[in-house]
Amino acid sequence: REFSTTVGGKVVTCKFGGIIDRVDRTESDGKIRIVDYKTGRYPSSWPKTVEEIFDSDRNTSIPANYYLQTMLYSSIVRDSNPQTPVVPALLYIQRASNKDYDPTLTFSKETIRDIAEHEETFNHMLQQLVTEILNPDTDFTPTTDRTRCERCPFAQLCY
């Protein structure tokens, strides 16, 4: 998806994309489901709002990046299927065999039945983040929370 924002008075266009692990259609209601498989530890807490996904102070203790990725993919798929509900899901492999397990994302225990319910806020927050990242007047600063570095793939670059 192309995404435009204004930075320093100039319009900057970016492209977002990726590889979706699985796209399926639910039998019962015909919704499109965007599934991202996870093999790691099942988190003890989840984002409660769209805003928490983008809250850098909180997103080390919650799987915000997983939500961000899956919601972005769902939003992109919805662009091509505007009349069909698109549902974001994280399928944790170790939980998949549980009868009651539902991989659909939730906010405050409320199941996301269609990305359209949160798309306006999500796109607004995404635009704010991209604008901040691309703003040449905003310096990149290393985190003061060293626990973030433990799992960061770029830790060797910035120390």
Protein backbone atom coordinates (compact mmCIF):
# COMPACT_ATOMS: atom_id res chain seq x y z
CA ARG A 1 0.00 0.00 0.00
CA GLU A 2 1.23 3.45 -0.77
CA PHE A 3 1.09 5.80 2.15
CA SER A 4 1.64 9.57 1.93
CA THR A 5 2.41 12.05 4.67
CA THR A 6 3.69 15.60 4.83
CA VAL A 7 7.12 16.13 6.34
CA GLY A 8 8.73 19.56 6.43
CA GLY A 9 6.19 20.91 3.95
CA LYS A 10 6.86 18.12 1.42
CA VAL A 11 4.64 15.17 0.60
CA VAL A 12 6.54 11.92 1.14
CA THR A 13 5.17 8.64 -0.18
CA CYS A 14 6.16 5.28 1.31
CA LYS A 15 5.18 1.74 0.42
CA PHE A 16 4.14 -0.80 3.01
CA GLY A 17 3.90 -4.50 2.40
CA GLY A 18 4.97 -7.89 3.55
CA ILE A 19 4.24 -11.58 3.39
CA ILE A 20 1.08 -12.79 5.08
CA ASP A 21 1.41 -16.22 6.68
CA ARG A 22 -2.16 -17.22 5.89
CA VAL A 23 -5.32 -15.76 4.37
CA ASP A 24 -8.51 -17.75 4.71
CA ARG A 25 -12.25 -17.28 4.70
CA THR A 26 -14.28 -18.31 7.73
CA GLU A 27 -16.92 -20.88 6.91
CA SER A 28 -19.63 -19.60 9.21
CA ASP A 29 -19.82 -15.98 8.05
CA GLY A 30 -17.52 -15.57 5.03
CA LYS A 31 -15.12 -13.12 6.70
CA ILE A 32 -11.57 -12.89 5.41
CA ARG A 33 -9.11 -13.77 8.14
CA ILE A 34 -5.49 -12.60 8.11
CA VAL A 35 -3.44 -14.99 10.24
CA ASP A 36 0.09 -14.48 11.47
CA TYR A 37 1.63 -17.61 12.99
CA LYS A 38 3.63 -17.30 16.20
CA THR A 39 5.84 -20.00 17.67
CA GLY A 40 7.10 -18.17 20.75
CA ARG A 41 5.76 -17.72 24.25
CA TYR A 42 2.12 -16.72 24.58
CA PRO A 43 2.02 -13.18 26.02
CA SER A 44 0.50 -12.45 29.41
CA SER A 45 -0.92 -9.09 28.32
CA TRP A 46 -2.22 -7.55 25.11
CA PRO A 47 -2.81 -4.05 23.76
CA LYS A 48 -6.15 -2.74 25.00
CA THR A 49 -6.51 -0.01 22.35
CA VAL A 50 -5.12 0.96 18.97
CA GLU A 51 -3.21 3.76 20.69
CA GLU A 52 -1.33 1.25 22.88
CA ILE A 53 0.11 -0.36 19.75
CA PHE A 54 1.92 2.89 19.05
CA ASP A 55 2.87 3.71 22.67
CA SER A 56 6.63 3.20 22.79
CA ASP A 57 6.63 3.24 26.60
CA ARG A 58 4.30 0.23 26.75
CA ASN A 59 5.12 -1.83 23.71
CA THR A 60 7.95 -3.78 25.28
CA SER A 61 5.57 -5.53 27.69
CA ILE A 62 2.84 -6.25 25.14
CA PRO A 63 3.08 -7.76 21.64
CA ALA A 64 2.38 -4.40 20.01
CA ASN A 65 4.55 -5.14 16.98
CA TYR A 66 2.53 -8.30 16.29
CA TYR A 67 -0.69 -6.32 16.40
CA LEU A 68 0.80 -3.61 14.20
CA GLN A 69 1.88 -6.09 11.52
CA THR A 70 -1.36 -8.08 11.49
CA MET A 71 -3.58 -5.01 11.53
CA LEU A 72 -1.57 -3.44 8.70
CA TYR A 73 -1.93 -6.57 6.58
CA SER A 74 -5.65 -6.69 7.37
CA SER A 75 -6.07 -3.06 6.37
CA ILE A 76 -4.25 -3.65 3.08
CA VAL A 77 -6.41 -6.69 2.28
CA ARG A 78 -9.54 -4.71 3.15
CA ASP A 79 -8.58 -2.11 0.51
CA SER A 80 -9.15 -4.81 -2.14
CA ASN A 81 -12.24 -6.21 -0.40
CA PRO A 82 -14.16 -3.21 0.96
CA GLN A 83 -17.49 -5.05 1.29
CA THR A 84 -16.09 -8.04 3.21
CA PRO A 85 -15.16 -7.94 6.90
CA VAL A 86 -11.43 -8.59 7.40
CA VAL A 87 -10.36 -10.09 10.71
CA PRO A 88 -6.78 -9.91 12.10
CA ALA A 89 -5.53 -12.99 13.97
CA LEU A 90 -2.38 -14.23 15.73
CA LEU A 91 -2.24 -18.00 15.87
CA TYR A 92 0.09 -19.24 18.59
CA ILE A 93 1.09 -22.75 17.53
CA GLN A 94 1.29 -24.14 21.09
CA ARG A 95 -2.34 -23.06 21.70
CA ALA A 96 -3.80 -24.09 18.33
CA SER A 97 -5.02 -27.49 19.53
CA ASN A 98 -7.04 -26.04 22.43
CA LYS A 99 -10.77 -26.35 21.66
CA ASP A 100 -11.62 -22.89 23.00
CA TYR A 101 -8.68 -21.06 21.43
CA ASP A 102 -9.63 -18.14 19.18
CA PRO A 103 -6.67 -16.45 17.47
CA THR A 104 -8.68 -13.33 16.57
CA LEU A 105 -7.17 -10.12 17.96
CA THR A 106 -8.97 -8.37 20.80
CA PHE A 107 -8.96 -5.00 22.52
CA SER A 108 -9.92 -5.19 26.20
CA LYS A 109 -11.31 -8.70 25.62
CA GLU A 110 -13.53 -7.37 22.81
CA THR A 111 -12.97 -9.41 19.64
CA ILE A 112 -12.09 -7.43 16.51
CA ARG A 113 -14.80 -8.57 14.11
CA ASP A 114 -13.62 -6.33 11.25
CA ILE A 115 -10.52 -4.16 10.86
CA ALA A 116 -12.86 -1.42 9.61
CA GLU A 117 -13.92 -0.83 13.24
CA HIS A 118 -10.42 0.44 14.08
CA GLU A 119 -9.02 1.41 10.70
CA GLU A 120 -9.47 5.17 10.99
CA THR A 121 -7.62 5.38 14.31
CA PHE A 122 -5.01 2.86 13.17
CA ASN A 123 -4.24 4.78 9.96
CA HIS A 124 -4.09 8.09 11.86
CA MET A 125 -1.64 6.67 14.41
CA LEU A 126 0.42 5.05 11.64
CA GLN A 127 0.62 8.36 9.79
CA GLN A 128 1.81 10.11 12.96
CA LEU A 129 4.52 7.49 13.46
CA VAL A 130 5.74 7.63 9.85
CA THR A 131 5.79 11.42 9.96
CA GLU A 132 7.87 11.33 13.14
CA ILE A 133 10.31 8.76 11.70
CA LEU A 134 10.80 10.73 8.47
CA ASN A 135 11.06 14.15 10.10
CA PRO A 136 14.66 15.34 9.62
CA ASP A 137 14.26 17.67 12.62
CA THR A 138 13.66 14.73 14.96
CA ASP A 139 16.86 12.98 16.00
CA PHE A 140 16.97 9.24 16.41
CA THR A 141 17.73 8.55 20.04
CA PRO A 142 18.63 5.23 21.60
CA THR A 143 16.28 3.76 24.13
CA THR A 144 16.94 4.19 27.81
CA ASP A 145 15.22 0.86 28.46
CA ARG A 146 17.99 -1.71 27.98
CA THR A 147 15.55 -4.63 28.13
CA ARG A 148 14.36 -3.57 24.67
CA CYS A 149 17.84 -4.31 23.32
CA GLU A 150 17.73 -7.94 24.45
CA ARG A 151 15.49 -9.00 21.56
CA CYS A 152 16.26 -6.23 19.09
CA PRO A 153 17.73 -7.48 15.79
CA PHE A 154 19.66 -4.18 15.46
CA ALA A 155 21.33 -4.28 18.88
CA GLN A 156 24.76 -5.00 17.40
CA LEU A 157 24.52 -1.92 15.20
CA CYS A 158 23.68 0.68 17.83
CA TYR A 159 24.81 -0.91 21.12
